Amino acid sequence: MQASSKNKFIVSVILAVLLNLLLLLSVFFVRGAIKSKKNSVLTVKEQIVLYERRIEHVKNLEETLERTERDRLKIEPLFVGESTVVNFIEDLETLGEEAGVKLQIKGVRFAESVNQKPIFTLQAVGSFRDIYHFFVLLENMPYVVAFNRAGLEKFGDLGTWSSLLELKLLSFKNE
């Protein structure tokens, strides 16, 4: 009987050791799973913070757009777009009439890239005073323009002058 109780004791000890090992392995497995889930939660929290910042930036942008809407509406007509180039040309012709010059639009070169602005080639014929007045009117247009080139030439003794100029429209916006 002693051998049998000794065998039972050894079996009990072996079973207890195996159960402890199994329990220890379970603890390590659960601990690893918890660590993995913790890392996943941290990653998700970081993404949530990132999206909250983006949402805040969008809200700030929307508020800025609302705050500046009146000012933007005032400024908008000062820019010429592809759909309003004809109005700009009509404004040029009106300025020519006001100055008393005969105005011809010889050509328009549109931008090859987004950052380039269209260039209008104009010829104005009239007295020196009228051509000078036309230049002043061009400079005082509500649009931002730059004179790329301007030439002035006198025709005969009648006091008739001709000016060939290239006008760059700086307040052009791509639509």
Foldseek 3Di string as FASTA:
>chain_A
DVVVVVVVVVVVVVVVVVVVVVVVVVVVVVVVVVVVVVVVVVVVVVVVVVVVVVVVVVVVVVVVCVVCVVVCVVCVVQAAEPVCVVVVVVVLVVLLVVLVWDKDFPDKDQDPDQQAFIKIKMKTKDAPSSVVSSVVVVVPDSFDKDWPDKDKDDDPDPRMIMMITIITGNRYHYD
